[in-house]
Amino acid sequence: MKSILSALAEQNRLNIVEILRKGPHNVGELVQETGLRQPQISKHLRVLSEAGIVQVMPIANRRVYELRREAFTELDLWLNSYIHIWEES
């Protein structure tokens, strides 16, 4: 959980996740949508991948990234564990 939160805490990575929420994208598309350079995108994607937030699908000579459902299920379960705080208030 800590690695997921840490990865999402950086604004550029959060922006990439928001873009990927619309569907899979390759690195070039992420460069265009974010305005970041390719090495920056690759670095952020590596962090997101290591945190288990994205996965890569090699298609021909391209690498297409998409969100991993498991990371968001884990995040949802963690957040829901705090619901009792507000329900008891």
Protein backbone atom coordinates (compact mmCIF):
# COMPACT_ATOMS: atom_id res chain seq x y z
CA MET A 1 0.00 0.00 0.00
CA LYS A 2 2.79 2.40 0.89
CA SER A 3 4.40 2.07 -2.55
CA ILE A 4 1.08 2.79 -4.27
CA LEU A 5 0.48 5.94 -2.23
CA SER A 6 4.06 7.07 -2.68
CA ALA A 7 3.88 6.61 -6.45
CA LEU A 8 0.58 8.48 -6.71
CA ALA A 9 1.83 11.35 -4.54
CA GLU A 10 3.91 12.76 -7.40
CA GLN A 11 1.79 15.03 -9.64
CA ASN A 12 3.18 13.85 -13.00
CA ARG A 13 2.55 10.21 -12.10
CA LEU A 14 -0.96 11.05 -10.95
CA ASN A 15 -1.53 12.82 -14.28
CA ILE A 16 -0.33 9.73 -16.15
CA VAL A 17 -2.73 7.56 -14.14
CA GLU A 18 -5.58 9.94 -14.99
CA ILE A 19 -4.72 9.64 -18.69
CA LEU A 20 -4.51 5.84 -18.46
CA ARG A 21 -7.92 5.81 -16.81
CA LYS A 22 -9.31 6.54 -20.30
CA GLY A 23 -7.59 3.40 -21.64
CA PRO A 24 -4.22 1.98 -22.67
CA HIS A 25 -1.63 4.39 -24.13
CA ASN A 26 1.84 4.01 -25.54
CA VAL A 27 4.76 6.17 -24.42
CA GLY A 28 4.46 8.50 -27.41
CA GLU A 29 0.82 9.21 -26.64
CA LEU A 30 1.67 9.92 -23.00
CA VAL A 31 4.43 12.31 -24.12
CA GLN A 32 1.91 14.20 -26.26
CA GLU A 33 -0.78 14.35 -23.60
CA THR A 34 1.47 15.37 -20.71
CA GLY A 35 4.01 17.59 -22.45
CA LEU A 36 6.81 15.73 -20.66
CA ARG A 37 9.82 14.34 -22.50
CA GLN A 38 10.10 10.63 -23.26
CA PRO A 39 12.82 9.92 -20.65
CA GLN A 40 10.66 11.55 -17.97
CA ILE A 41 7.61 9.52 -18.98
CA SER A 42 9.66 6.32 -18.96
CA LYS A 43 10.98 7.09 -15.47
CA HIS A 44 7.47 7.74 -14.14
CA LEU A 45 6.12 4.60 -15.82
CA ARG A 46 8.89 2.56 -14.22
CA VAL A 47 7.90 3.85 -10.76
CA LEU A 48 4.21 3.18 -11.46
CA SER A 49 5.06 -0.30 -12.72
CA GLU A 50 7.20 -1.12 -9.67
CA ALA A 51 4.32 0.01 -7.43
CA GLY A 52 1.99 -2.35 -9.30
CA ILE A 53 -0.20 0.44 -10.66
CA VAL A 54 0.46 -0.08 -14.37
CA GLN A 55 1.39 -3.01 -16.56
CA VAL A 56 3.03 -3.03 -19.96
CA MET A 57 1.85 -4.94 -22.99
CA PRO A 58 4.44 -5.26 -25.76
CA ILE A 59 2.66 -4.90 -29.11
CA ALA A 60 5.00 -5.22 -32.09
CA ASN A 61 7.72 -2.62 -31.48
CA ARG A 62 5.62 -0.54 -29.07
CA ARG A 63 5.02 -0.77 -25.37
CA VAL A 64 1.44 -0.04 -24.35
CA TYR A 65 0.67 0.77 -20.72
CA GLU A 66 -2.57 0.20 -18.88
CA LEU A 67 -3.78 0.41 -15.29
CA ARG A 68 -3.80 -2.70 -13.11
CA ARG A 69 -7.12 -3.31 -11.40
CA GLU A 70 -5.43 -5.02 -8.43
CA ALA A 71 -3.68 -1.84 -7.28
CA PHE A 72 -6.94 0.08 -7.16
CA THR A 73 -8.74 -2.77 -5.43
CA GLU A 74 -6.03 -2.70 -2.76
CA LEU A 75 -6.34 1.08 -2.45
CA ASP A 76 -10.13 0.85 -2.21
CA LEU A 77 -9.95 -1.77 0.54
CA TRP A 78 -7.50 0.35 2.49
CA LEU A 79 -9.65 3.48 2.19
CA ASN A 80 -12.79 1.56 3.16
CA SER A 81 -11.07 0.43 6.36
CA TYR A 82 -11.39 4.04 7.53
CA ILE A 83 -15.12 4.36 6.87
CA HIS A 84 -16.02 3.39 10.42
CA ILE A 85 -14.43 6.64 11.62
CA TRP A 86 -17.05 8.69 9.78
CA GLU A 87 -19.90 6.29 10.38
CA GLU A 88 -19.36 6.47 14.14
CA SER A 89 -19.36 10.28 14.14
